[in-house]
Amino acid sequence: MSSAPQSPRWDVHRLPHARGRAFLVTGGNAGIGYFVAEQLAGTGATVVLGSRDRAKAEAALAAIGARVPDARVRHVPLDLADLASLPASVDALGLDRLDAVVHNAGVALDHPPRRETADGHELMFATNHLGHFALTHYLAPLLTATPGSRIVTTGSFAAKSERLDLDDLQSTHDYQPKRAYARSKLAQMLFALELDRRLRVGGSTTLSVLVHPGGALDSLTPSRPPVHVRTTGERLSRLPLGLVVQGKDAAAWPAVRAVLDPGVRGGEMLSPRAFGLRGTPRVEPLWSHLSDTRTAARLWAASRDLVGADPAFTAPTGSGRTKGSATGVGV
């Protein structure tokens, strides 16, 4: 008896070639985002680092260039907390198509006081969720012009035990930094899944995929000077933790697979294989509260009202778009 051919097992160390494709990684200058960018650059693709800090971005470009011969990497200024700046950032990409964006950038505050952006939004909710929501809106023409494009959103294990307060999305009352961070990441995750539902209803070929990186420590992360330097002492002192969590290089694997693996489907969540904390990436069943479509729809409506934009993907018309037209999505 013959059986249907199976897709080859995904190998994080043998990534497929992606020359001719273009990827944007928000926050690609440091942490997990840096390793997402480095690994994608190794496929031959053009990788754009979206970062508000030019000096850190240039350091990341140098580090990637030192490890990936002939890397096609560059930087565009991107400040997700400044909504008015996002159209210019998308225009600065200089692209007429985009194969994937990895919504990775984020901010985590450990202590009060509560901080707001110039738009009056709580900083973590604004950067982690609202900024990516609005950025998706402005990137829609580029993604629509690319059949099979992907929007990869990075969630967090911190969101697993949280629930949104739809009456206080921006933590105006009883502000607790760690809770506010976890809720901002939960908002991102609900957005990713609601986005995929809307893409399917609209008949779009663009996929929205959710990932979470598991547990990632600097002390288990290989050195990438000048972006990250790990001392021998740090490595040895945290070595036992490597049985439970991992470095940020491995934490990048779910996002990289979500971008590159042709077998990935929209609405899936990829996470580390061992208890969602470490190991190679696999598709994980959605956490129960991530399937709450009513809350996700209400969050979408509130986000749309807060940023004044509504990510919408329609079939491209004509022969395609030209550079500089990426801000032309109606709201």
Protein backbone atom coordinates (compact mmCIF):
# COMPACT_ATOMS: atom_id res chain seq x y z
CA MET A 1 0.00 0.00 0.00
CA SER A 2 1.19 3.50 -0.76
CA SER A 3 0.72 6.46 1.54
CA ALA A 4 0.50 10.18 0.85
CA PRO A 5 3.88 11.93 0.95
CA GLN A 6 4.61 13.70 4.21
CA SER A 7 6.16 17.11 4.57
CA PRO A 8 9.78 16.95 5.71
CA ARG A 9 10.32 17.43 9.42
CA TRP A 10 11.04 21.06 10.26
CA ASP A 11 14.70 21.55 11.14
CA VAL A 12 15.59 24.78 12.93
CA HIS A 13 19.20 24.35 11.82
CA ARG A 14 18.43 23.81 8.10
CA LEU A 15 16.16 26.66 7.07
CA PRO A 16 14.85 26.84 3.51
CA HIS A 17 16.26 29.40 1.12
CA ALA A 18 14.21 32.61 0.84
CA ARG A 19 16.22 34.72 -1.58
CA GLY A 20 14.02 37.30 -3.27
CA ARG A 21 11.63 37.55 -0.32
CA ALA A 22 11.35 40.50 2.10
CA PHE A 23 10.66 40.38 5.83
CA LEU A 24 10.15 43.11 8.42
CA VAL A 25 10.99 42.41 12.08
CA THR A 26 9.82 44.98 14.60
CA GLY A 27 12.29 45.33 17.44
CA GLY A 28 14.84 43.42 15.40
CA ASN A 29 17.76 45.25 16.98
CA ALA A 30 17.88 43.33 20.29
CA GLY A 31 16.70 40.31 22.24
CA ILE A 32 14.60 37.67 20.54
CA GLY A 33 13.92 40.01 17.63
CA TYR A 34 17.62 40.19 16.86
CA PHE A 35 17.86 36.41 16.54
CA VAL A 36 14.71 36.27 14.41
CA ALA A 37 16.38 38.76 12.06
CA GLU A 38 19.73 36.94 12.09
CA GLN A 39 18.16 33.57 11.31
CA LEU A 40 15.96 34.98 8.54
CA ALA A 41 18.97 36.80 7.07
CA GLY A 42 20.70 33.43 6.80
CA THR A 43 18.09 32.32 4.26
CA GLY A 44 19.17 34.96 1.74
CA ALA A 45 16.05 37.06 2.21
CA THR A 46 16.01 40.83 2.58
CA VAL A 47 15.42 41.56 6.26
CA VAL A 48 14.43 44.98 7.56
CA LEU A 49 14.90 45.83 11.22
CA GLY A 50 12.24 48.19 12.53
CA SER A 51 13.69 50.08 15.48
CA ARG A 52 13.39 53.52 17.03
CA ASP A 53 17.05 53.50 18.14
CA ARG A 54 19.36 53.99 15.16
CA ALA A 55 22.57 53.26 17.10
CA LYS A 56 21.24 49.93 18.38
CA ALA A 57 19.97 49.05 14.93
CA GLU A 58 23.38 49.74 13.39
CA ALA A 59 25.00 47.54 16.03
CA ALA A 60 22.57 44.75 15.16
CA LEU A 61 23.28 45.14 11.45
CA ALA A 62 27.00 44.85 12.15
CA ALA A 63 26.50 41.75 14.30
CA ILE A 64 24.36 40.05 11.65
CA GLY A 65 26.85 40.99 8.94
CA ALA A 66 29.66 39.41 10.95
CA ARG A 67 27.80 36.08 11.12
CA VAL A 68 25.95 35.98 7.81
CA PRO A 69 28.12 36.59 4.73
CA ASP A 70 26.44 38.87 2.18
CA ALA A 71 23.47 39.43 4.51
CA ARG A 72 20.76 41.62 3.01
CA VAL A 73 19.73 43.57 6.10
CA ARG A 74 18.85 47.19 6.70
CA HIS A 75 17.04 49.44 9.14
CA VAL A 76 13.97 51.66 9.06
CA PRO A 77 13.05 54.01 11.91
CA LEU A 78 9.99 52.61 13.70
CA ASP A 79 8.43 53.90 16.92
CA LEU A 80 5.27 51.94 17.66
CA ALA A 81 4.37 54.30 20.50
CA ASP A 82 4.13 57.20 18.03
CA LEU A 83 1.13 56.38 15.86
CA ALA A 84 1.50 59.44 13.64
CA SER A 85 4.98 58.31 12.58
CA LEU A 86 3.93 54.90 11.26
CA PRO A 87 2.92 55.88 7.69
CA ALA A 88 6.37 57.42 7.12
CA SER A 89 8.04 54.27 8.50
CA VAL A 90 6.11 52.08 6.06
CA ASP A 91 6.94 54.38 3.15
CA ALA A 92 10.62 54.21 4.20
CA LEU A 93 10.58 50.47 3.53
CA GLY A 94 10.77 51.31 -0.18
CA LEU A 95 9.06 48.03 -1.06
CA ASP A 96 6.19 47.17 -3.37
CA ARG A 97 5.56 43.82 -1.61
CA LEU A 98 6.23 42.25 1.78
CA ASP A 99 6.35 38.52 2.42
CA ALA A 100 6.05 38.70 6.20
CA VAL A 101 6.10 41.01 9.17
CA VAL A 102 7.07 39.73 12.61
CA HIS A 103 5.34 41.78 15.30
CA ASN A 104 8.03 41.29 17.92
CA ALA A 105 8.86 44.68 19.47
CA GLY A 106 7.62 45.34 22.96
CA VAL A 107 8.19 47.16 26.19
CA ALA A 108 7.88 45.80 29.74
CA LEU A 109 7.87 48.07 32.77
CA ASP A 110 8.58 46.65 36.22
CA HIS A 111 7.62 49.53 38.48
CA PRO A 112 5.08 52.37 38.70
CA PRO A 113 4.30 55.09 37.86
CA ARG A 114 1.99 54.49 34.94
CA ARG A 115 3.37 56.08 31.77
CA GLU A 116 1.57 57.38 28.71
CA THR A 117 2.53 58.06 25.12
CA ALA A 118 2.11 61.43 23.44
CA ASP A 119 -1.27 60.13 22.20
CA GLY A 120 -2.39 59.59 25.79
CA HIS A 121 -2.26 55.78 25.71
CA GLU A 122 -0.72 53.61 28.44
CA LEU A 123 2.80 52.88 27.22
CA MET A 124 2.82 49.07 27.24
CA PHE A 125 -0.65 48.68 25.75
CA ALA A 126 0.21 51.35 23.16
CA THR A 127 3.54 49.84 22.10
CA ASN A 128 2.81 46.14 22.35
CA HIS A 129 -0.72 46.12 20.96
CA LEU A 130 -2.01 49.40 19.51
CA GLY A 131 1.18 50.14 17.59
CA HIS A 132 1.18 46.74 15.92
CA PHE A 133 -2.55 47.01 15.23
CA ALA A 134 -1.99 50.32 13.42
CA LEU A 135 1.17 49.10 11.68
CA THR A 136 -0.78 46.17 10.25
CA HIS A 137 -3.23 48.68 8.79
CA TYR A 138 -0.48 50.59 6.99
CA LEU A 139 1.28 47.41 5.81
CA ALA A 140 -1.91 45.90 4.37
CA PRO A 141 -1.29 46.97 0.74
CA LEU A 142 2.23 45.50 0.73
CA LEU A 143 1.06 42.24 2.30
CA THR A 144 -1.96 42.02 0.01
CA ALA A 145 0.32 42.46 -3.01
CA THR A 146 2.22 39.33 -1.91
CA PRO A 147 0.29 36.04 -2.26
CA GLY A 148 0.67 33.91 0.85
CA SER A 149 2.18 36.69 2.97
CA ARG A 150 2.24 36.28 6.74
CA ILE A 151 1.68 38.39 9.82
CA VAL A 152 3.43 36.76 12.77
CA THR A 153 2.52 38.08 16.20
CA THR A 154 4.62 37.35 19.28
CA GLY A 155 2.62 36.64 22.41
CA SER A 156 3.85 35.68 25.85
CA PHE A 157 3.47 32.92 28.41
CA ALA A 158 2.64 35.75 30.85
CA ALA A 159 -0.73 36.12 29.11
CA LYS A 160 -1.82 32.56 29.85
CA SER A 161 -3.30 33.34 33.26
CA GLU A 162 -4.59 36.85 32.46
CA ARG A 163 -7.93 38.15 31.25
CA LEU A 164 -8.70 41.50 29.61
CA ASP A 165 -10.69 44.18 31.37
CA LEU A 166 -12.59 45.60 28.42
CA ASP A 167 -13.77 48.50 30.56
CA ASP A 168 -10.20 49.46 31.45
CA LEU A 169 -7.96 48.30 28.61
CA GLN A 170 -5.30 50.89 29.44
CA SER A 171 -5.02 50.17 33.18
CA THR A 172 -6.26 53.59 34.22
CA HIS A 173 -7.48 52.14 37.52
CA ASP A 174 -5.37 49.98 39.85
CA TYR A 175 -2.26 50.06 37.66
CA GLN A 176 0.02 47.08 38.24
CA PRO A 177 2.94 46.96 35.78
CA LYS A 178 3.31 43.18 35.47
CA ARG A 179 -0.42 42.70 35.02
CA ALA A 180 -0.62 45.55 32.52
CA TYR A 181 2.21 43.96 30.53
CA ALA A 182 0.56 40.53 30.53
CA ARG A 183 -2.75 42.05 29.40
CA SER A 184 -1.04 43.96 26.60
CA LYS A 185 0.43 40.69 25.33
CA LEU A 186 -2.95 38.97 25.65
CA ALA A 187 -4.41 41.79 23.55
CA GLN A 188 -1.77 41.10 20.89
CA MET A 189 -2.63 37.41 20.86
CA LEU A 190 -6.37 37.99 20.59
CA PHE A 191 -5.71 40.48 17.80
CA ALA A 192 -3.68 37.91 15.84
CA LEU A 193 -6.48 35.37 15.99
CA GLU A 194 -9.25 37.85 15.21
CA LEU A 195 -7.16 39.11 12.30
CA ASP A 196 -6.91 35.62 10.85
CA ARG A 197 -10.67 35.13 11.14
CA ARG A 198 -11.21 38.37 9.21
CA LEU A 199 -8.64 37.41 6.59
CA ARG A 200 -10.41 34.09 5.99
CA VAL A 201 -13.84 35.74 5.72
CA GLY A 202 -12.41 38.24 3.24
CA GLY A 203 -10.85 35.52 1.09
CA SER A 204 -7.32 36.86 1.59
CA THR A 205 -4.29 34.63 1.06
CA THR A 206 -2.43 36.45 3.86
CA LEU A 207 -2.07 34.37 7.03
CA SER A 208 -2.02 35.59 10.62
CA VAL A 209 0.02 33.26 12.84
CA LEU A 210 0.54 33.46 16.58
CA VAL A 211 3.76 32.49 18.36
CA HIS A 212 5.12 32.61 21.85
CA PRO A 213 8.82 32.15 22.58
CA GLY A 214 8.67 30.31 25.90
CA GLY A 215 11.20 31.07 28.60
CA ALA A 216 14.27 32.96 27.41
CA LEU A 217 17.23 34.18 29.46
CA ASP A 218 20.13 36.43 28.49
CA SER A 219 22.50 34.19 30.44
CA LEU A 220 21.64 31.24 28.17
CA THR A 221 21.88 33.32 25.01
CA PRO A 222 25.06 33.11 22.90
CA SER A 223 27.12 36.29 22.60
CA ARG A 224 26.55 38.61 19.68
CA PRO A 225 28.83 41.58 20.34
CA PRO A 226 28.08 44.40 20.56
CA VAL A 227 24.36 43.54 20.76
CA HIS A 228 24.73 40.99 23.55
CA VAL A 229 27.78 39.75 25.46
CA ARG A 230 27.53 36.72 27.75
CA THR A 231 30.34 36.05 30.19
CA THR A 232 31.57 32.58 31.11
CA GLY A 233 30.47 33.18 34.69
CA GLU A 234 26.92 33.97 33.63
CA ARG A 235 26.75 30.91 31.44
CA LEU A 236 27.99 28.56 34.17
CA SER A 237 25.81 30.04 36.91
CA ARG A 238 22.62 29.60 34.90
CA LEU A 239 23.50 26.33 33.21
CA PRO A 240 21.01 24.25 35.29
CA LEU A 241 18.19 26.51 34.11
CA GLY A 242 18.88 25.27 30.61
CA LEU A 243 16.89 22.17 31.55
CA VAL A 244 13.76 24.31 31.89
CA VAL A 245 14.18 27.40 29.70
CA GLN A 246 16.46 28.47 26.86
CA GLY A 247 18.39 31.30 25.26
CA LYS A 248 16.88 33.98 23.05
CA ASP A 249 18.37 32.36 19.96
CA ALA A 250 16.15 29.30 20.52
CA ALA A 251 13.23 31.50 21.57
CA ALA A 252 13.30 32.96 18.04
CA TRP A 253 12.56 29.58 16.45
CA PRO A 254 8.73 29.71 16.64
CA ALA A 255 8.61 33.06 14.81
CA VAL A 256 11.12 31.93 12.20
CA ARG A 257 9.13 28.76 11.53
CA ALA A 258 5.90 30.80 11.34
CA VAL A 259 7.50 32.93 8.62
CA LEU A 260 9.11 30.17 6.56
CA ASP A 261 7.33 26.84 6.99
CA PRO A 262 4.91 26.26 4.08
CA GLY A 263 2.94 23.87 6.29
CA VAL A 264 1.95 26.53 8.83
CA ARG A 265 -1.71 27.57 8.74
CA GLY A 266 -3.40 30.81 9.69
CA GLY A 267 -4.82 30.92 13.21
CA GLU A 268 -2.28 28.44 14.55
CA MET A 269 -0.07 29.04 17.57
CA LEU A 270 3.54 27.87 17.57
CA SER A 271 5.49 27.47 20.79
CA PRO A 272 8.47 25.56 22.22
CA ARG A 273 7.81 21.84 22.39
CA ALA A 274 8.67 21.20 26.07
CA PHE A 275 5.79 22.57 28.17
CA GLY A 276 5.77 25.71 26.05
CA LEU A 277 9.05 26.79 27.67
CA ARG A 278 11.93 25.36 25.67
CA GLY A 279 12.77 23.24 22.65
CA THR A 280 11.99 23.16 18.97
CA PRO A 281 8.74 24.80 17.82
CA ARG A 282 5.48 22.96 17.30
CA VAL A 283 1.83 23.82 16.80
CA GLU A 284 0.19 24.09 20.21
CA PRO A 285 -3.55 23.96 20.98
CA LEU A 286 -4.91 27.42 21.69
CA TRP A 287 -5.35 28.32 25.33
CA SER A 288 -9.04 28.30 26.22
CA HIS A 289 -9.42 32.06 26.67
CA LEU A 290 -7.78 32.73 23.29
CA SER A 291 -10.84 31.17 21.67
CA ASP A 292 -13.11 33.88 23.10
CA THR A 293 -14.25 35.41 19.81
CA ARG A 294 -16.62 37.88 21.50
CA THR A 295 -13.84 39.46 23.55
CA ALA A 296 -11.53 39.51 20.52
CA ALA A 297 -14.16 41.29 18.42
CA ARG A 298 -14.78 43.88 21.15
CA LEU A 299 -11.05 44.43 21.52
CA TRP A 300 -10.76 44.98 17.75
CA ALA A 301 -13.52 47.60 17.82
CA ALA A 302 -11.94 49.40 20.77
CA SER A 303 -8.49 49.32 19.14
CA ARG A 304 -9.90 50.67 15.89
CA ASP A 305 -11.47 53.59 17.75
CA LEU A 306 -8.30 54.32 19.73
CA VAL A 307 -5.92 54.42 16.75
CA GLY A 308 -8.31 55.63 14.05
CA ALA A 309 -7.41 52.79 11.69
CA ASP A 310 -8.94 49.46 10.78
CA PRO A 311 -6.65 46.79 9.25
CA ALA A 312 -8.45 45.61 6.12
CA PHE A 313 -7.17 43.26 3.42
CA THR A 314 -8.80 43.19 0.01
CA ALA A 315 -7.79 41.44 -3.17
CA PRO A 316 -5.24 43.51 -5.14
CA THR A 317 -6.44 45.14 -8.32
CA GLY A 318 -4.55 46.03 -11.48
CA SER A 319 -0.91 45.12 -11.91
CA GLY A 320 0.17 45.93 -8.36
CA ARG A 321 1.21 48.87 -6.26
CA THR A 322 4.16 51.15 -6.58
CA LYS A 323 6.62 52.17 -3.93
CA GLY A 324 5.38 54.79 -1.56
CA SER A 325 1.72 53.73 -1.81
CA ALA A 326 1.66 51.70 1.37
CA THR A 327 -0.43 54.19 3.33
CA GLY A 328 -3.40 54.13 1.04
CA VAL A 329 -5.74 51.86 3.03
CA GLY A 330 -9.18 53.23 3.77
CA VAL A 331 -10.46 53.20 7.36
